[in-house]
Amino acid sequence: MTEAMIENAKNNAQKNEIDNVKFVLGEIEELPLEDNSIDVIISNCVINLSPAKEKVFAEAKRGGRLAISDILKVDEFPEAIKFDLDNYSSCVTGSIEKENLFSILEKLEFKKIEVERKN
């Protein structure tokens, strides 16, 4: 999301002698990458920060496998929670329901969709 985050990732990869990765700065809704140039997309609670989730998954569809760790919404949030920006920035109130997620993924023709619940 920022140049500093990219530099931090590059430094961590170098420290750990990892050379089979590439870090590219871009927006999740419009990745600056060629189609089919990605083996695996890994997202850890980033998709919930985007209001354009279908666009995010359409971008991911241009690549290889997708593995995400995120929060799914079970019920509507009370108004006090919904409009608190801290709850949005911590990926809570930007979450979507499992049915909505599956609907998007199926529409975009993702295959082998699995959800694993973690406590």
Protein backbone atom coordinates (compact mmCIF):
# COMPACT_ATOMS: atom_id res chain seq x y z
CA MET A 1 0.00 0.00 0.00
CA THR A 2 2.97 2.32 0.53
CA GLU A 3 6.59 2.60 -0.62
CA ALA A 4 7.70 2.02 2.99
CA MET A 5 5.81 -1.27 3.13
CA ILE A 6 7.43 -2.41 -0.12
CA GLU A 7 10.89 -1.52 1.18
CA ASN A 8 10.19 -3.36 4.44
CA ALA A 9 9.08 -6.46 2.53
CA LYS A 10 12.17 -6.34 0.30
CA ASN A 11 14.45 -5.99 3.33
CA ASN A 12 12.75 -8.93 5.07
CA ALA A 13 13.10 -11.08 1.96
CA GLN A 14 16.77 -10.21 1.67
CA LYS A 15 17.40 -10.87 5.39
CA ASN A 16 15.77 -14.28 5.03
CA GLU A 17 17.56 -15.04 1.75
CA ILE A 18 14.30 -15.31 -0.19
CA ASP A 19 14.81 -14.53 -3.84
CA ASN A 20 11.76 -16.05 -5.56
CA VAL A 21 9.39 -13.18 -4.76
CA LYS A 22 8.64 -9.81 -6.27
CA PHE A 23 7.09 -6.86 -4.46
CA VAL A 24 5.15 -4.36 -6.55
CA LEU A 25 3.41 -1.20 -5.35
CA GLY A 26 -0.14 -0.90 -6.59
CA GLU A 27 -3.81 -0.71 -5.74
CA ILE A 28 -5.55 -4.01 -5.00
CA GLU A 29 -8.39 -3.09 -7.38
CA GLU A 30 -5.99 -2.49 -10.28
CA LEU A 31 -2.82 -4.55 -9.99
CA PRO A 32 0.09 -3.31 -12.14
CA LEU A 33 0.85 -6.83 -13.42
CA GLU A 34 0.41 -8.75 -16.65
CA ASP A 35 -2.27 -11.44 -16.87
CA ASN A 36 -1.08 -14.89 -15.78
CA SER A 37 2.20 -13.49 -14.45
CA ILE A 38 1.41 -14.49 -10.84
CA ASP A 39 1.73 -17.96 -9.32
CA VAL A 40 0.05 -17.26 -5.97
CA ILE A 41 -1.70 -14.26 -4.48
CA ILE A 42 -1.66 -14.16 -0.69
CA SER A 43 -3.82 -11.66 1.16
CA ASN A 44 -3.92 -11.22 4.91
CA CYS A 45 -6.90 -9.02 5.79
CA VAL A 46 -6.51 -6.60 2.90
CA ILE A 47 -9.58 -7.35 0.80
CA ASN A 48 -11.86 -6.17 3.60
CA LEU A 49 -10.27 -2.74 3.27
CA SER A 50 -11.64 -2.37 -0.26
CA PRO A 51 -15.26 -1.38 -0.91
CA ALA A 52 -14.90 -2.84 -4.45
CA LYS A 53 -14.55 -6.52 -3.55
CA GLU A 54 -15.76 -7.88 -6.89
CA LYS A 55 -13.12 -5.76 -8.66
CA VAL A 56 -10.46 -7.09 -6.26
CA PHE A 57 -11.40 -10.69 -7.01
CA ALA A 58 -11.57 -9.98 -10.75
CA GLU A 59 -8.00 -8.70 -10.53
CA ALA A 60 -6.95 -11.79 -8.57
CA LYS A 61 -8.56 -13.98 -11.22
CA ARG A 62 -5.96 -12.71 -13.70
CA GLY A 63 -3.30 -14.62 -11.76
CA GLY A 64 -2.77 -18.07 -10.32
CA ARG A 65 -3.96 -19.46 -7.02
CA LEU A 66 -5.49 -17.27 -4.34
CA ALA A 67 -5.11 -17.75 -0.59
CA ILE A 68 -6.72 -15.23 1.71
CA SER A 69 -7.07 -14.83 5.43
CA ASP A 70 -9.87 -12.47 6.27
CA ILE A 71 -12.94 -11.93 8.40
CA LEU A 72 -16.41 -12.94 7.18
CA LYS A 73 -19.45 -11.04 8.40
CA VAL A 74 -22.07 -13.16 10.17
CA ASP A 75 -24.66 -10.46 10.86
CA GLU A 76 -25.24 -6.73 10.39
CA PHE A 77 -23.21 -4.47 12.67
CA PRO A 78 -24.83 -2.00 15.07
CA GLU A 79 -24.58 1.59 13.84
CA ALA A 80 -22.00 2.56 16.49
CA ILE A 81 -19.67 -0.20 15.31
CA LYS A 82 -20.40 0.17 11.58
CA PHE A 83 -19.39 3.83 11.34
CA ASP A 84 -16.31 3.67 13.59
CA LEU A 85 -13.30 4.00 11.25
CA ASP A 86 -11.12 1.98 13.63
CA ASN A 87 -13.40 -0.99 13.02
CA TYR A 88 -13.07 -0.51 9.26
CA SER A 89 -9.29 -0.14 9.32
CA SER A 90 -9.02 -3.31 11.42
CA CYS A 91 -10.89 -5.19 8.65
CA VAL A 92 -14.04 -5.81 10.67
CA THR A 93 -16.79 -3.64 9.22
CA GLY A 94 -15.49 -3.96 5.66
CA SER A 95 -16.18 -7.68 5.79
CA ILE A 96 -18.78 -9.47 3.65
CA GLU A 97 -21.02 -12.46 4.26
CA LYS A 98 -19.84 -15.92 3.20
CA GLU A 99 -22.75 -16.22 0.75
CA ASN A 100 -21.80 -12.92 -0.90
CA LEU A 101 -18.16 -13.99 -1.11
CA PHE A 102 -19.11 -17.31 -2.74
CA SER A 103 -21.44 -15.52 -5.14
CA ILE A 104 -18.63 -13.26 -6.33
CA LEU A 105 -16.12 -16.10 -6.62
CA GLU A 106 -18.55 -18.34 -8.52
CA LYS A 107 -19.56 -15.50 -10.87
CA LEU A 108 -15.88 -14.98 -11.67
CA GLU A 109 -15.50 -18.74 -12.20
CA PHE A 110 -13.04 -19.47 -9.42
CA LYS A 111 -12.53 -23.21 -8.92
CA LYS A 112 -12.02 -25.34 -5.79
CA ILE A 113 -13.35 -22.71 -3.40
CA GLU A 114 -12.76 -23.66 0.22
CA VAL A 115 -13.34 -21.82 3.49
CA GLU A 116 -11.60 -22.94 6.64
CA ARG A 117 -12.72 -21.46 9.93
CA LYS A 118 -9.98 -20.45 12.34
CA ASN A 119 -10.59 -19.46 15.93
